[in-house]
Amino acid sequence: LAPLVLGVTRKIKARLLRRIGPPTWQPYVDLWKLLHK
């Protein structure tokens, strides 16, 4: 759940700045890409 908390935090920060922001599951995608490097 740690990446999910990071994704929600990024989404809230983006909304506070009136942006759309990255998807909530983006940290999972980043981890998947990092693990396959």
ModelCIF file with pLDDT and N, C-alpha, C, O atoms, coordinates in Angstrom:
data_MODEL
#
_entry.id   MODEL 
#
_entity.id                         1 
_entity.type                       polymer 
_entity.pdbx_number_of_molecules   1 
#
_entity_poly.entity_id                      1 
_entity_poly.type                           'polypeptide(L)' 
_entity_poly.nstd_linkage                   no 
_entity_poly.nstd_monomer                   no 
_entity_poly.pdbx_seq_one_letter_code       LAPLVLGVTRKIKARLLRRIGPPTWQPYVDLWKLLHK 
_entity_poly.pdbx_seq_one_letter_code_can   LAPLVLGVTRKIKARLLRRIGPPTWQPYVDLWKLLHK 
_entity_poly.pdbx_strand_id                 A 
#
loop_
_entity_poly_seq.entity_id 
_entity_poly_seq.num 
_entity_poly_seq.mon_id 
_entity_poly_seq.hetero 
1 1  LEU n 
1 2  ALA n 
1 3  PRO n 
1 4  LEU n 
1 5  VAL n 
1 6  LEU n 
1 7  GLY n 
1 8  VAL n 
1 9  THR n 
1 10 ARG n 
1 11 LYS n 
1 12 ILE n 
1 13 LYS n 
1 14 ALA n 
1 15 ARG n 
1 16 LEU n 
1 17 LEU n 
1 18 ARG n 
1 19 ARG n 
1 20 ILE n 
1 21 GLY n 
1 22 PRO n 
1 23 PRO n 
1 24 THR n 
1 25 TRP n 
1 26 GLN n 
1 27 PRO n 
1 28 TYR n 
1 29 VAL n 
1 30 ASP n 
1 31 LEU n 
1 32 TRP n 
1 33 LYS n 
1 34 LEU n 
1 35 LEU n 
1 36 HIS n 
1 37 LYS n 
#
_struct_asym.id          A 
_struct_asym.entity_id   1 
#
loop_
_ma_qa_metric.id 
_ma_qa_metric.mode 
_ma_qa_metric.name 
_ma_qa_metric.software_group_id 
_ma_qa_metric.type 
1 global pLDDT . pLDDT 
2 local  pLDDT . pLDDT 
#
_ma_qa_metric_global.metric_id      1 
_ma_qa_metric_global.metric_value   94.43 
_ma_qa_metric_global.model_id       1 
_ma_qa_metric_global.ordinal_id     1 
#
loop_
_ma_qa_metric_local.label_asym_id 
_ma_qa_metric_local.label_comp_id 
_ma_qa_metric_local.label_seq_id 
_ma_qa_metric_local.metric_id 
_ma_qa_metric_local.metric_value 
_ma_qa_metric_local.model_id 
_ma_qa_metric_local.ordinal_id 
A LEU 1  2 90.00 1 1  
A ALA 2  2 89.00 1 2  
A PRO 3  2 94.00 1 3  
A LEU 4  2 95.00 1 4  
A VAL 5  2 95.00 1 5  
A LEU 6  2 95.00 1 6  
A GLY 7  2 96.00 1 7  
A VAL 8  2 96.00 1 8  
A THR 9  2 96.00 1 9  
A ARG 10 2 96.00 1 10 
A LYS 11 2 96.00 1 11 
A ILE 12 2 96.00 1 12 
A LYS 13 2 96.00 1 13 
A ALA 14 2 96.00 1 14 
A ARG 15 2 95.00 1 15 
A LEU 16 2 96.00 1 16 
A LEU 17 2 96.00 1 17 
A ARG 18 2 96.00 1 18 
A ARG 19 2 96.00 1 19 
A ILE 20 2 94.00 1 20 
A GLY 21 2 91.00 1 21 
A PRO 22 2 93.00 1 22 
A PRO 23 2 95.00 1 23 
A THR 24 2 95.00 1 24 
A TRP 25 2 96.00 1 25 
A GLN 26 2 96.00 1 26 
A PRO 27 2 96.00 1 27 
A TYR 28 2 96.00 1 28 
A VAL 29 2 96.00 1 29 
A ASP 30 2 95.00 1 30 
A LEU 31 2 93.00 1 31 
A TRP 32 2 94.00 1 32 
A LYS 33 2 95.00 1 33 
A LEU 34 2 91.00 1 34 
A LEU 35 2 88.00 1 35 
A HIS 36 2 93.00 1 36 
A LYS 37 2 92.00 1 37 
#
loop_
_atom_site.group_PDB 
_atom_site.id 
_atom_site.type_symbol 
_atom_site.label_atom_id 
_atom_site.label_alt_id 
_atom_site.label_comp_id 
_atom_site.label_asym_id 
_atom_site.label_entity_id 
_atom_site.label_seq_id 
_atom_site.pdbx_PDB_ins_code 
_atom_site.Cartn_x 
_atom_site.Cartn_y 
_atom_site.Cartn_z 
_atom_site.occupancy 
_atom_site.B_iso_or_equiv 
_atom_site.pdbx_formal_charge 
_atom_site.auth_seq_id 
_atom_site.auth_comp_id 
_atom_site.auth_asym_id 
_atom_site.auth_atom_id 
_atom_site.pdbx_PDB_model_num 
ATOM 1   N N  . LEU A 1 1  ? 0.793  -1.222 0.000   1.00 90.00 ? 1  LEU A N  1 
ATOM 2   C CA . LEU A 1 1  ? 0.000  0.000  0.000   1.00 90.00 ? 1  LEU A CA 1 
ATOM 3   C C  . LEU A 1 1  ? 0.828  1.277  0.000   1.00 90.00 ? 1  LEU A C  1 
ATOM 4   O O  . LEU A 1 1  ? 0.279  2.360  -0.201  1.00 90.00 ? 1  LEU A O  1 
ATOM 5   N N  . ALA A 1 2  ? 2.129  1.179  0.219   1.00 89.00 ? 2  ALA A N  1 
ATOM 6   C CA . ALA A 1 2  ? 2.971  2.385  0.231   1.00 89.00 ? 2  ALA A CA 1 
ATOM 7   C C  . ALA A 1 2  ? 2.924  3.134  -1.099  1.00 89.00 ? 2  ALA A C  1 
ATOM 8   O O  . ALA A 1 2  ? 2.802  4.359  -1.082  1.00 89.00 ? 2  ALA A O  1 
ATOM 9   N N  . PRO A 1 3  ? 3.014  2.461  -2.258  1.00 94.00 ? 3  PRO A N  1 
ATOM 10  C CA . PRO A 1 3  ? 2.904  3.216  -3.517  1.00 94.00 ? 3  PRO A CA 1 
ATOM 11  C C  . PRO A 1 3  ? 1.527  3.856  -3.713  1.00 94.00 ? 3  PRO A C  1 
ATOM 12  O O  . PRO A 1 3  ? 1.412  4.912  -4.336  1.00 94.00 ? 3  PRO A O  1 
ATOM 13  N N  . LEU A 1 4  ? 0.494  3.218  -3.184  1.00 95.00 ? 4  LEU A N  1 
ATOM 14  C CA . LEU A 1 4  ? -0.850 3.791  -3.308  1.00 95.00 ? 4  LEU A CA 1 
ATOM 15  C C  . LEU A 1 4  ? -0.952 5.097  -2.515  1.00 95.00 ? 4  LEU A C  1 
ATOM 16  O O  . LEU A 1 4  ? -1.551 6.066  -2.981  1.00 95.00 ? 4  LEU A O  1 
ATOM 17  N N  . VAL A 1 5  ? -0.374 5.116  -1.332  1.00 95.00 ? 5  VAL A N  1 
ATOM 18  C CA . VAL A 1 5  ? -0.383 6.341  -0.530  1.00 95.00 ? 5  VAL A CA 1 
ATOM 19  C C  . VAL A 1 5  ? 0.371  7.452  -1.253  1.00 95.00 ? 5  VAL A C  1 
ATOM 20  O O  . VAL A 1 5  ? -0.063 8.604  -1.249  1.00 95.00 ? 5  VAL A O  1 
ATOM 21  N N  . LEU A 1 6  ? 1.482  7.113  -1.865  1.00 95.00 ? 6  LEU A N  1 
ATOM 22  C CA . LEU A 1 6  ? 2.238  8.103  -2.641  1.00 95.00 ? 6  LEU A CA 1 
ATOM 23  C C  . LEU A 1 6  ? 1.414  8.622  -3.815  1.00 95.00 ? 6  LEU A C  1 
ATOM 24  O O  . LEU A 1 6  ? 1.414  9.821  -4.094  1.00 95.00 ? 6  LEU A O  1 
ATOM 25  N N  . GLY A 1 7  ? 0.713  7.724  -4.503  1.00 96.00 ? 7  GLY A N  1 
ATOM 26  C CA . GLY A 1 7  ? -0.120 8.130  -5.633  1.00 96.00 ? 7  GLY A CA 1 
ATOM 27  C C  . GLY A 1 7  ? -1.263 9.048  -5.215  1.00 96.00 ? 7  GLY A C  1 
ATOM 28  O O  . GLY A 1 7  ? -1.567 10.021 -5.905  1.00 96.00 ? 7  GLY A O  1 
ATOM 29  N N  . VAL A 1 8  ? -1.889 8.741  -4.095  1.00 96.00 ? 8  VAL A N  1 
ATOM 30  C CA . VAL A 1 8  ? -2.982 9.583  -3.599  1.00 96.00 ? 8  VAL A CA 1 
ATOM 31  C C  . VAL A 1 8  ? -2.440 10.950 -3.189  1.00 96.00 ? 8  VAL A C  1 
ATOM 32  O O  . VAL A 1 8  ? -3.070 11.975 -3.448  1.00 96.00 ? 8  VAL A O  1 
ATOM 33  N N  . THR A 1 9  ? -1.264 10.963 -2.545  1.00 96.00 ? 9  THR A N  1 
ATOM 34  C CA . THR A 1 9  ? -0.656 12.232 -2.144  1.00 96.00 ? 9  THR A CA 1 
ATOM 35  C C  . THR A 1 9  ? -0.342 13.100 -3.355  1.00 96.00 ? 9  THR A C  1 
ATOM 36  O O  . THR A 1 9  ? -0.595 14.305 -3.340  1.00 96.00 ? 9  THR A O  1 
ATOM 37  N N  . ARG A 1 10 ? 0.202  12.499 -4.391  1.00 96.00 ? 10 ARG A N  1 
ATOM 38  C CA . ARG A 1 10 ? 0.504  13.264 -5.612  1.00 96.00 ? 10 ARG A CA 1 
ATOM 39  C C  . ARG A 1 10 ? -0.767 13.788 -6.273  1.00 96.00 ? 10 ARG A C  1 
ATOM 40  O O  . ARG A 1 10 ? -0.792 14.901 -6.798  1.00 96.00 ? 10 ARG A O  1 
ATOM 41  N N  . LYS A 1 11 ? -1.810 12.980 -6.243  1.00 96.00 ? 11 LYS A N  1 
ATOM 42  C CA . LYS A 1 11 ? -3.082 13.397 -6.839  1.00 96.00 ? 11 LYS A CA 1 
ATOM 43  C C  . LYS A 1 11 ? -3.681 14.577 -6.066  1.00 96.00 ? 11 LYS A C  1 
ATOM 44  O O  . LYS A 1 11 ? -4.190 15.522 -6.670  1.00 96.00 ? 11 LYS A O  1 
ATOM 45  N N  . ILE A 1 12 ? -3.619 14.522 -4.743  1.00 96.00 ? 12 ILE A N  1 
ATOM 46  C CA . ILE A 1 12 ? -4.157 15.613 -3.927  1.00 96.00 ? 12 ILE A CA 1 
ATOM 47  C C  . ILE A 1 12 ? -3.346 16.887 -4.134  1.00 96.00 ? 12 ILE A C  1 
ATOM 48  O O  . ILE A 1 12 ? -3.915 17.973 -4.248  1.00 96.00 ? 12 ILE A O  1 
ATOM 49  N N  . LYS A 1 13 ? -2.012 16.760 -4.183  1.00 96.00 ? 13 LYS A N  1 
ATOM 50  C CA . LYS A 1 13 ? -1.176 17.934 -4.432  1.00 96.00 ? 13 LYS A CA 1 
ATOM 51  C C  . LYS A 1 13 ? -1.503 18.574 -5.777  1.00 96.00 ? 13 LYS A C  1 
ATOM 52  O O  . LYS A 1 13 ? -1.578 19.798 -5.889  1.00 96.00 ? 13 LYS A O  1 
ATOM 53  N N  . ALA A 1 14 ? -1.694 17.750 -6.783  1.00 96.00 ? 14 ALA A N  1 
ATOM 54  C CA . ALA A 1 14 ? -2.020 18.275 -8.104  1.00 96.00 ? 14 ALA A CA 1 
ATOM 55  C C  . ALA A 1 14 ? -3.376 18.972 -8.085  1.00 96.00 ? 14 ALA A C  1 
ATOM 56  O O  . ALA A 1 14 ? -3.532 20.029 -8.697  1.00 96.00 ? 14 ALA A O  1 
ATOM 57  N N  . ARG A 1 15 ? -4.348 18.404 -7.401  1.00 95.00 ? 15 ARG A N  1 
ATOM 58  C CA . ARG A 1 15 ? -5.678 19.025 -7.332  1.00 95.00 ? 15 ARG A CA 1 
ATOM 59  C C  . ARG A 1 15 ? -5.628 20.371 -6.602  1.00 95.00 ? 15 ARG A C  1 
ATOM 60  O O  . ARG A 1 15 ? -6.336 21.312 -6.961  1.00 95.00 ? 15 ARG A O  1 
ATOM 61  N N  . LEU A 1 16 ? -4.772 20.445 -5.562  1.00 96.00 ? 16 LEU A N  1 
ATOM 62  C CA . LEU A 1 16 ? -4.650 21.708 -4.847  1.00 96.00 ? 16 LEU A CA 1 
ATOM 63  C C  . LEU A 1 16 ? -4.035 22.795 -5.721  1.00 96.00 ? 16 LEU A C  1 
ATOM 64  O O  . LEU A 1 16 ? -4.289 23.982 -5.515  1.00 96.00 ? 16 LEU A O  1 
ATOM 65  N N  . LEU A 1 17 ? -3.232 22.388 -6.689  1.00 96.00 ? 17 LEU A N  1 
ATOM 66  C CA . LEU A 1 17 ? -2.634 23.345 -7.615  1.00 96.00 ? 17 LEU A CA 1 
ATOM 67  C C  . LEU A 1 17 ? -3.461 23.503 -8.893  1.00 96.00 ? 17 LEU A C  1 
ATOM 68  O O  . LEU A 1 17 ? -3.011 24.105 -9.868  1.00 96.00 ? 17 LEU A O  1 
ATOM 69  N N  . ARG A 1 18 ? -4.664 22.956 -8.870  1.00 96.00 ? 18 ARG A N  1 
ATOM 70  C CA . ARG A 1 18 ? -5.615 23.022 -9.992  1.00 96.00 ? 18 ARG A CA 1 
ATOM 71  C C  . ARG A 1 18 ? -5.061 22.386 -11.255 1.00 96.00 ? 18 ARG A C  1 
ATOM 72  O O  . ARG A 1 18 ? -5.177 22.924 -12.356 1.00 96.00 ? 18 ARG A O  1 
ATOM 73  N N  . ARG A 1 19 ? -4.456 21.227 -11.059 1.00 96.00 ? 19 ARG A N  1 
ATOM 74  C CA . ARG A 1 19 ? -3.973 20.411 -12.184 1.00 96.00 ? 19 ARG A CA 1 
ATOM 75  C C  . ARG A 1 19 ? -4.655 19.063 -12.124 1.00 96.00 ? 19 ARG A C  1 
ATOM 76  O O  . ARG A 1 19 ? -5.291 18.716 -11.129 1.00 96.00 ? 19 ARG A O  1 
ATOM 77  N N  . ILE A 1 20 ? -4.518 18.306 -13.199 1.00 94.00 ? 20 ILE A N  1 
ATOM 78  C CA . ILE A 1 20 ? -5.104 16.968 -13.220 1.00 94.00 ? 20 ILE A CA 1 
ATOM 79  C C  . ILE A 1 20 ? -4.237 15.995 -12.447 1.00 94.00 ? 20 ILE A C  1 
ATOM 80  O O  . ILE A 1 20 ? -4.738 15.219 -11.633 1.00 94.00 ? 20 ILE A O  1 
ATOM 81  N N  . GLY A 1 21 ? -2.948 16.033 -12.696 1.00 91.00 ? 21 GLY A N  1 
ATOM 82  C CA . GLY A 1 21 ? -2.018 15.176 -11.968 1.00 91.00 ? 21 GLY A CA 1 
ATOM 83  C C  . GLY A 1 21 ? -1.920 13.782 -12.564 1.00 91.00 ? 21 GLY A C  1 
ATOM 84  O O  . GLY A 1 21 ? -2.704 13.414 -13.438 1.00 91.00 ? 21 GLY A O  1 
ATOM 85  N N  . PRO A 1 22 ? -0.947 13.008 -12.084 1.00 93.00 ? 22 PRO A N  1 
ATOM 86  C CA . PRO A 1 22 ? -0.764 11.646 -12.594 1.00 93.00 ? 22 PRO A CA 1 
ATOM 87  C C  . PRO A 1 22 ? -1.850 10.714 -12.060 1.00 93.00 ? 22 PRO A C  1 
ATOM 88  O O  . PRO A 1 22 ? -2.513 11.030 -11.072 1.00 93.00 ? 22 PRO A O  1 
ATOM 89  N N  . PRO A 1 23 ? -2.029 9.578  -12.708 1.00 95.00 ? 23 PRO A N  1 
ATOM 90  C CA . PRO A 1 23 ? -2.991 8.615  -12.176 1.00 95.00 ? 23 PRO A CA 1 
ATOM 91  C C  . PRO A 1 23 ? -2.548 8.112  -10.797 1.00 95.00 ? 23 PRO A C  1 
ATOM 92  O O  . PRO A 1 23 ? -1.364 8.154  -10.463 1.00 95.00 ? 23 PRO A O  1 
ATOM 93  N N  . THR A 1 24 ? -3.492 7.649  -10.021 1.00 95.00 ? 24 THR A N  1 
ATOM 94  C CA . THR A 1 24 ? -3.194 7.177  -8.667  1.00 95.00 ? 24 THR A CA 1 
ATOM 95  C C  . THR A 1 24 ? -2.274 5.968  -8.686  1.00 95.00 ? 24 THR A C  1 
ATOM 96  O O  . THR A 1 24 ? -1.478 5.794  -7.763  1.00 95.00 ? 24 THR A O  1 
ATOM 97  N N  . TRP A 1 25 ? -2.360 5.137  -9.699  1.00 96.00 ? 25 TRP A N  1 
ATOM 98  C CA . TRP A 1 25 ? -1.551 3.914  -9.767  1.00 96.00 ? 25 TRP A CA 1 
ATOM 99  C C  . TRP A 1 25 ? -0.185 4.146  -10.427 1.00 96.00 ? 25 TRP A C  1 
ATOM 100 O O  . TRP A 1 25 ? 0.539  3.185  -10.687 1.00 96.00 ? 25 TRP A O  1 
ATOM 101 N N  . GLN A 1 26 ? 0.171  5.384  -10.697 1.00 96.00 ? 26 GLN A N  1 
ATOM 102 C CA . GLN A 1 26 ? 1.439  5.686  -11.364 1.00 96.00 ? 26 GLN A CA 1 
ATOM 103 C C  . GLN A 1 26 ? 2.667  5.158  -10.603 1.00 96.00 ? 26 GLN A C  1 
ATOM 104 O O  . GLN A 1 26 ? 3.596  4.676  -11.253 1.00 96.00 ? 26 GLN A O  1 
ATOM 105 N N  . PRO A 1 27 ? 2.723  5.222  -9.259  1.00 96.00 ? 27 PRO A N  1 
ATOM 106 C CA . PRO A 1 27 ? 3.884  4.643  -8.573  1.00 96.00 ? 27 PRO A CA 1 
ATOM 107 C C  . PRO A 1 27 ? 4.050  3.143  -8.824  1.00 96.00 ? 27 PRO A C  1 
ATOM 108 O O  . PRO A 1 27 ? 5.176  2.649  -8.878  1.00 96.00 ? 27 PRO A O  1 
ATOM 109 N N  . TYR A 1 28 ? 2.948  2.418  -8.977  1.00 96.00 ? 28 TYR A N  1 
ATOM 110 C CA . TYR A 1 28 ? 3.049  0.986  -9.302  1.00 96.00 ? 28 TYR A CA 1 
ATOM 111 C C  . TYR A 1 28 ? 3.656  0.796  -10.689 1.00 96.00 ? 28 TYR A C  1 
ATOM 112 O O  . TYR A 1 28 ? 4.472  -0.103 -10.891 1.00 96.00 ? 28 TYR A O  1 
ATOM 113 N N  . VAL A 1 29 ? 3.265  1.631  -11.637 1.00 96.00 ? 29 VAL A N  1 
ATOM 114 C CA . VAL A 1 29 ? 3.818  1.561  -12.991 1.00 96.00 ? 29 VAL A CA 1 
ATOM 115 C C  . VAL A 1 29 ? 5.311  1.877  -12.966 1.00 96.00 ? 29 VAL A C  1 
ATOM 116 O O  . VAL A 1 29 ? 6.107  1.222  -13.639 1.00 96.00 ? 29 VAL A O  1 
ATOM 117 N N  . ASP A 1 30 ? 5.679  2.886  -12.183 1.00 95.00 ? 30 ASP A N  1 
ATOM 118 C CA . ASP A 1 30 ? 7.093  3.251  -12.065 1.00 95.00 ? 30 ASP A CA 1 
ATOM 119 C C  . ASP A 1 30 ? 7.911  2.128  -11.437 1.00 95.00 ? 30 ASP A C  1 
ATOM 120 O O  . ASP A 1 30 ? 9.022  1.841  -11.881 1.00 95.00 ? 30 ASP A O  1 
ATOM 121 N N  . LEU A 1 31 ? 7.361  1.497  -10.405 1.00 93.00 ? 31 LEU A N  1 
ATOM 122 C CA . LEU A 1 31 ? 8.058  0.366  -9.780  1.00 93.00 ? 31 LEU A CA 1 
ATOM 123 C C  . LEU A 1 31 ? 8.216  -0.801 -10.749 1.00 93.00 ? 31 LEU A C  1 
ATOM 124 O O  . LEU A 1 31 ? 9.273  -1.431 -10.797 1.00 93.00 ? 31 LEU A O  1 
ATOM 125 N N  . TRP A 1 32 ? 7.177  -1.088 -11.515 1.00 94.00 ? 32 TRP A N  1 
ATOM 126 C CA . TRP A 1 32 ? 7.241  -2.179 -12.493 1.00 94.00 ? 32 TRP A CA 1 
ATOM 127 C C  . TRP A 1 32 ? 8.348  -1.914 -13.514 1.00 94.00 ? 32 TRP A C  1 
ATOM 128 O O  . TRP A 1 32 ? 9.127  -2.804 -13.854 1.00 94.00 ? 32 TRP A O  1 
ATOM 129 N N  . LYS A 1 33 ? 8.397  -0.669 -13.995 1.00 95.00 ? 33 LYS A N  1 
ATOM 130 C CA . LYS A 1 33 ? 9.418  -0.316 -14.979 1.00 95.00 ? 33 LYS A CA 1 
ATOM 131 C C  . LYS A 1 33 ? 10.820 -0.372 -14.354 1.00 95.00 ? 33 LYS A C  1 
ATOM 132 O O  . LYS A 1 33 ? 11.770 -0.827 -14.991 1.00 95.00 ? 33 LYS A O  1 
ATOM 133 N N  . LEU A 1 34 ? 10.939 0.088  -13.124 1.00 91.00 ? 34 LEU A N  1 
ATOM 134 C CA . LEU A 1 34 ? 12.228 0.076  -12.444 1.00 91.00 ? 34 LEU A CA 1 
ATOM 135 C C  . LEU A 1 34 ? 12.725 -1.341 -12.177 1.00 91.00 ? 34 LEU A C  1 
ATOM 136 O O  . LEU A 1 34 ? 13.918 -1.615 -12.307 1.00 91.00 ? 34 LEU A O  1 
ATOM 137 N N  . LEU A 1 35 ? 11.828 -2.232 -11.809 1.00 88.00 ? 35 LEU A N  1 
ATOM 138 C CA . LEU A 1 35 ? 12.225 -3.611 -11.522 1.00 88.00 ? 35 LEU A CA 1 
ATOM 139 C C  . LEU A 1 35 ? 12.632 -4.381 -12.771 1.00 88.00 ? 35 LEU A C  1 
ATOM 140 O O  . LEU A 1 35 ? 13.323 -5.395 -12.674 1.00 88.00 ? 35 LEU A O  1 
ATOM 141 N N  . HIS A 1 36 ? 12.216 -3.916 -13.933 1.00 93.00 ? 36 HIS A N  1 
ATOM 142 C CA . HIS A 1 36 ? 12.562 -4.610 -15.168 1.00 93.00 ? 36 HIS A CA 1 
ATOM 143 C C  . HIS A 1 36 ? 13.742 -3.983 -15.912 1.00 93.00 ? 36 HIS A C  1 
ATOM 144 O O  . HIS A 1 36 ? 14.058 -4.378 -17.034 1.00 93.00 ? 36 HIS A O  1 
ATOM 145 N N  . LYS A 1 37 ? 14.384 -3.011 -15.280 1.00 92.00 ? 37 LYS A N  1 
ATOM 146 C CA . LYS A 1 37 ? 15.569 -2.418 -15.885 1.00 92.00 ? 37 LYS A CA 1 
ATOM 147 C C  . LYS A 1 37 ? 16.780 -3.301 -15.628 1.00 92.00 ? 37 LYS A C  1 
ATOM 148 O O  . LYS A 1 37 ? 17.885 -2.974 -16.060 1.00 92.00 ? 37 LYS A O  1 
#
